[in-house]
Amino acid sequence: MKKRKTKPLVSPETRAVEEILVRLRRCDARGVYPGKGELIKGKGEASRAAALEYLARSGKVVNLGTPGDGAFAEVVGGSAESLIERKALDTLYKIGSTVGSQRFTPVSVAALEEFPGIPQRVKKQLKNVLSKLRDRNEAVTFKVGNANYFLLRETVLKHFGVAAPSREISAAPEPSVAGVAAKIQSAYNRLAAERKSQEVRIADLARECGVPLPEFHAWLEEACRTYKAVPYVGEPTLATPEERRTALILKGEAFYQIRIQGA
């Protein structure tokens, strides 16, 4: 019996691929996960459907939802698994900081399953990520009767008027200035090539380069001061908790995107 041949990964026309990625990024900026129907609709639907299949099979996008229409997201600077965990983390902070901050109300762990707009694969990771936050003392969990609840450390500290410390955990030695520059520029080049855009999200760059946040921000500030980099505000009202945490602050203003000259 002959083995069934796997369809080769033939790249569809570049324009269709770019249209899919642009639609994905617009949805990501709004914090929503588009289905296949939304991504391919309009004139040229067949080309975009082929482009979406190509991107999914090559690991550049991932379906976070169920096999039907799906809930798609772009995979940037890591694996699909790390993206899912990051989305689960952002979701927990979004829920914990909105629900939990209302009259200092704890959040029901069971109710996490009922929040709308959370893709299935992200939803399955919420309890696992919550356990990691608890182990890192970034969340507290407790029981009331038979029900489990949680509160974020940031919410607790904010309630008592105390500034929350950075979520960065790093025991590594401080890298040299040259080492920091090389890591940031290398990561920037990779992201700019992947996205085919010179404007890169600072949160993606921070995660991709692996430089501790204080050194990362110090290098970006100096690069902006010496005109080696240009910061962009982006969409602050749509920023995720990770984007707010990693934003570059210059003269009291938060910037969420960056262009590095000649990197």
Protein backbone atom coordinates (compact mmCIF):
# COMPACT_ATOMS: atom_id res chain seq x y z
CA MET A 1 0.00 0.00 0.00
CA LYS A 2 1.46 3.31 -1.08
CA LYS A 3 2.06 5.97 1.53
CA ARG A 4 -0.09 9.02 1.17
CA LYS A 5 2.04 11.95 0.08
CA THR A 6 2.00 15.06 2.26
CA LYS A 7 1.04 18.21 0.40
CA PRO A 8 4.15 20.38 -0.07
CA LEU A 9 4.24 23.78 1.62
CA VAL A 10 3.84 25.89 -1.50
CA SER A 11 3.78 29.58 -0.64
CA PRO A 12 0.70 31.35 -2.04
CA GLU A 13 1.04 34.81 -3.54
CA THR A 14 2.81 37.22 -1.22
CA ARG A 15 -0.04 39.72 -1.23
CA ALA A 16 -2.52 37.21 0.21
CA VAL A 17 -0.07 36.25 2.98
CA GLU A 18 0.48 39.91 3.86
CA GLU A 19 -3.28 40.57 3.91
CA ILE A 20 -3.79 37.72 6.39
CA LEU A 21 -0.97 38.99 8.64
CA VAL A 22 -2.28 42.58 8.53
CA ARG A 23 -5.78 41.41 9.52
CA LEU A 24 -4.33 39.29 12.33
CA ARG A 25 -2.29 42.21 13.70
CA ARG A 26 -5.26 44.58 13.61
CA CYS A 27 -7.33 42.06 15.56
CA ASP A 28 -4.46 41.46 17.99
CA ALA A 29 -4.27 45.22 18.66
CA ARG A 30 -7.97 45.11 19.63
CA GLY A 31 -7.44 42.03 21.80
CA VAL A 32 -9.65 39.77 19.66
CA TYR A 33 -9.01 36.45 17.92
CA PRO A 34 -10.44 36.32 14.38
CA GLY A 35 -11.91 33.17 12.89
CA LYS A 36 -11.11 31.84 9.42
CA GLY A 37 -14.21 33.50 7.96
CA GLU A 38 -13.14 36.95 9.12
CA LEU A 39 -9.56 36.48 7.90
CA ILE A 40 -10.36 35.35 4.36
CA LYS A 41 -13.57 37.26 3.55
CA GLY A 42 -13.79 39.64 0.60
CA LYS A 43 -12.47 39.61 -2.96
CA GLY A 44 -9.65 37.09 -3.33
CA GLU A 45 -11.06 34.77 -0.66
CA ALA A 46 -9.58 31.64 -2.26
CA SER A 47 -6.06 33.11 -2.25
CA ARG A 48 -6.37 34.19 1.37
CA ALA A 49 -7.71 30.75 2.36
CA ALA A 50 -4.62 29.18 0.78
CA ALA A 51 -2.42 31.77 2.50
CA LEU A 52 -3.97 31.01 5.89
CA GLU A 53 -3.45 27.28 5.39
CA TYR A 54 0.18 27.88 4.40
CA LEU A 55 0.82 30.13 7.42
CA ALA A 56 -0.79 27.62 9.79
CA ARG A 57 1.11 24.63 8.40
CA SER A 58 4.42 26.52 8.48
CA GLY A 59 3.86 27.50 12.14
CA LYS A 60 3.59 31.26 11.54
CA VAL A 61 0.01 31.40 12.79
CA VAL A 62 -1.83 29.13 15.20
CA ASN A 63 -5.47 28.29 15.77
CA LEU A 64 -6.14 28.86 19.48
CA GLY A 65 -9.77 27.81 19.19
CA THR A 66 -11.71 24.77 18.08
CA PRO A 67 -11.22 23.17 14.64
CA GLY A 68 -14.31 24.89 13.16
CA ASP A 69 -13.98 28.58 12.30
CA GLY A 70 -11.16 28.86 14.86
CA ALA A 71 -9.51 31.74 16.71
CA PHE A 72 -6.22 32.62 15.05
CA ALA A 73 -3.12 34.49 16.26
CA GLU A 74 0.31 35.20 14.79
CA VAL A 75 3.28 33.36 16.32
CA VAL A 76 6.08 35.90 16.86
CA GLY A 77 9.40 35.36 18.61
CA GLY A 78 8.74 31.89 20.01
CA SER A 79 6.66 28.74 19.73
CA ALA A 80 2.90 28.27 19.61
CA GLU A 81 3.07 26.86 23.16
CA SER A 82 4.83 29.97 24.50
CA LEU A 83 2.29 32.17 22.71
CA ILE A 84 -0.60 30.28 24.34
CA GLU A 85 0.98 30.62 27.78
CA ARG A 86 1.62 34.33 27.20
CA LYS A 87 -1.99 34.87 26.11
CA ALA A 88 -3.17 33.01 29.21
CA LEU A 89 -0.97 35.26 31.37
CA ASP A 90 -2.34 38.41 29.71
CA THR A 91 -5.89 37.10 30.16
CA LEU A 92 -5.37 36.44 33.88
CA TYR A 93 -3.94 39.92 34.43
CA LYS A 94 -6.76 41.49 32.42
CA ILE A 95 -9.44 39.64 34.41
CA GLY A 96 -7.64 40.05 37.73
CA SER A 97 -7.01 43.77 37.28
CA THR A 98 -10.56 44.61 36.13
CA VAL A 99 -12.77 42.27 38.16
CA GLY A 100 -10.36 42.05 41.10
CA SER A 101 -9.98 45.80 41.42
CA GLN A 102 -13.71 46.43 41.73
CA ARG A 103 -14.25 46.85 45.48
CA PHE A 104 -11.21 44.62 46.03
CA THR A 105 -13.22 41.58 44.88
CA PRO A 106 -11.47 38.19 44.53
CA VAL A 107 -11.96 36.31 41.27
CA SER A 108 -13.55 32.87 41.18
CA VAL A 109 -11.21 30.32 39.59
CA ALA A 110 -14.20 28.32 38.31
CA ALA A 111 -15.60 31.47 36.67
CA LEU A 112 -12.50 31.77 34.48
CA GLU A 113 -14.07 29.16 32.21
CA GLU A 114 -17.10 31.41 31.67
CA PHE A 115 -15.39 34.64 30.59
CA PRO A 116 -16.30 35.42 26.95
CA GLY A 117 -13.84 35.82 24.11
CA ILE A 118 -11.14 33.48 25.46
CA PRO A 119 -10.04 30.84 22.91
CA GLN A 120 -10.27 27.21 24.00
CA ARG A 121 -6.52 26.50 24.03
CA VAL A 122 -5.83 29.66 26.06
CA LYS A 123 -8.65 28.81 28.47
CA LYS A 124 -7.12 25.38 29.12
CA GLN A 125 -3.87 27.04 30.26
CA LEU A 126 -5.40 29.55 32.70
CA LYS A 127 -5.23 27.34 35.81
CA ASN A 128 -1.71 26.17 34.96
CA VAL A 129 -0.48 29.76 34.55
CA LEU A 130 -2.32 30.80 37.72
CA SER A 131 -0.39 28.09 39.61
CA LYS A 132 2.88 29.53 38.26
CA LEU A 133 1.87 33.03 39.37
CA ARG A 134 1.06 31.69 42.83
CA ASP A 135 4.44 29.92 43.03
CA ARG A 136 6.16 33.20 42.07
CA ASN A 137 4.12 35.12 44.69
CA GLU A 138 2.40 37.14 41.97
CA ALA A 139 -1.03 35.82 42.95
CA VAL A 140 -2.69 34.51 46.08
CA THR A 141 -5.27 31.70 45.98
CA PHE A 142 -7.65 30.76 48.77
CA LYS A 143 -10.87 28.89 49.47
CA VAL A 144 -14.22 30.16 50.65
CA GLY A 145 -16.36 27.12 51.37
CA ASN A 146 -15.83 24.80 48.42
CA ALA A 147 -15.00 27.56 45.95
CA ASN A 148 -11.48 28.65 44.94
CA TYR A 149 -10.61 32.32 44.44
CA PHE A 150 -7.55 34.34 43.51
CA LEU A 151 -6.24 37.88 43.76
CA LEU A 152 -3.26 39.32 41.90
CA ARG A 153 -0.42 40.76 43.93
CA GLU A 154 -0.68 43.96 41.84
CA THR A 155 -4.34 44.34 42.83
CA VAL A 156 -3.58 43.83 46.51
CA LEU A 157 -0.72 46.33 46.50
CA LYS A 158 -2.74 48.87 44.52
CA HIS A 159 -5.60 48.56 47.03
CA PHE A 160 -3.22 49.55 49.83
CA GLY A 161 -1.51 52.26 47.78
CA VAL A 162 1.79 50.42 47.32
CA ALA A 163 3.57 50.38 43.94
CA ALA A 164 3.89 46.88 42.53
CA PRO A 165 7.45 45.68 41.90
CA SER A 166 8.48 44.59 38.41
CA ARG A 167 7.38 41.15 37.28
CA GLU A 168 10.86 40.52 35.87
CA ILE A 169 12.70 37.68 37.60
CA SER A 170 16.38 37.49 36.71
CA ALA A 171 19.35 36.28 38.71
CA ALA A 172 21.70 36.45 35.73
CA PRO A 173 24.73 38.78 35.84
CA GLU A 174 24.32 42.16 34.16
CA PRO A 175 25.36 41.95 30.50
CA SER A 176 27.89 44.40 29.01
CA VAL A 177 26.64 47.38 27.00
CA ALA A 178 28.04 45.81 23.82
CA GLY A 179 26.35 42.51 24.66
CA VAL A 180 23.03 44.26 25.27
CA ALA A 181 23.28 46.13 21.96
CA ALA A 182 24.08 42.96 20.03
CA LYS A 183 21.17 41.04 21.56
CA ILE A 184 18.65 43.83 20.99
CA GLN A 185 19.77 44.54 17.42
CA SER A 186 19.81 40.85 16.51
CA ALA A 187 16.30 40.36 17.96
CA TYR A 188 15.06 43.50 16.19
CA ASN A 189 16.38 42.27 12.83
CA ARG A 190 14.61 38.92 13.26
CA LEU A 191 11.28 40.51 14.21
CA ALA A 192 11.46 43.16 11.47
CA ALA A 193 12.16 40.44 8.88
CA GLU A 194 9.33 38.23 10.19
CA ARG A 195 6.80 41.07 10.18
CA LYS A 196 8.18 42.79 7.06
CA SER A 197 7.95 46.06 8.98
CA GLN A 198 10.59 48.29 10.55
CA GLU A 199 8.21 49.24 13.37
CA VAL A 200 8.45 46.51 16.01
CA ARG A 201 6.42 46.17 19.20
CA ILE A 202 8.61 46.84 22.22
CA ALA A 203 6.98 43.97 24.14
CA ASP A 204 7.94 41.53 21.36
CA LEU A 205 11.48 42.93 21.23
CA ALA A 206 11.92 42.66 25.02
CA ARG A 207 10.78 39.05 24.99
CA GLU A 208 12.82 38.08 21.92
CA CYS A 209 16.15 39.61 23.03
CA GLY A 210 16.07 38.23 26.59
CA VAL A 211 17.82 41.29 28.08
CA PRO A 212 16.70 42.23 31.63
CA LEU A 213 14.13 45.03 31.45
CA PRO A 214 16.19 47.79 33.17
CA GLU A 215 19.14 47.28 30.77
CA PHE A 216 16.76 46.91 27.83
CA HIS A 217 15.04 50.22 28.58
CA ALA A 218 18.35 51.99 29.28
CA TRP A 219 19.70 50.95 25.87
CA LEU A 220 16.52 52.04 24.06
CA GLU A 221 16.53 55.41 25.85
CA GLU A 222 20.13 56.06 24.81
CA ALA A 223 19.39 54.92 21.24
CA CYS A 224 16.45 57.36 21.06
CA ARG A 225 18.52 60.18 22.59
CA THR A 226 21.26 59.72 19.97
CA TYR A 227 18.73 59.33 17.11
CA LYS A 228 19.64 55.68 16.51
CA ALA A 229 16.06 54.67 17.25
CA VAL A 230 12.63 56.25 16.82
CA PRO A 231 9.84 55.41 19.30
CA TYR A 232 6.15 55.28 18.34
CA VAL A 233 3.15 55.54 20.65
CA GLY A 234 1.12 52.87 18.83
CA GLU A 235 -2.32 52.08 20.32
CA PRO A 236 -2.02 52.67 24.11
CA THR A 237 -5.74 52.13 24.77
CA LEU A 238 -5.45 48.60 23.34
CA ALA A 239 -2.19 47.69 25.10
CA THR A 240 -2.01 44.33 26.90
CA PRO A 241 -0.61 44.06 30.45
CA GLU A 242 2.70 42.83 28.99
CA GLU A 243 2.87 45.79 26.60
CA ARG A 244 2.19 48.26 29.42
CA ARG A 245 4.86 46.61 31.58
CA THR A 246 7.53 46.74 28.87
CA ALA A 247 6.61 50.13 27.35
CA LEU A 248 9.40 52.67 26.95
CA ILE A 249 8.69 55.78 29.06
CA LEU A 250 10.19 59.01 27.72
CA LYS A 251 9.38 62.34 29.39
CA GLY A 252 6.35 60.77 31.03
CA GLU A 253 4.91 59.36 27.81
CA ALA A 254 4.61 55.62 27.09
CA PHE A 255 5.79 54.26 23.73
CA TYR A 256 4.83 50.77 22.55
CA GLN A 257 6.68 50.46 19.22
CA ILE A 258 10.23 51.18 18.07
CA ARG A 259 12.22 51.55 14.85
CA ILE A 260 15.99 51.03 15.18
CA GLN A 261 18.01 52.80 12.50
CA GLY A 262 20.60 50.72 10.64
CA ALA A 263 20.11 47.62 12.82
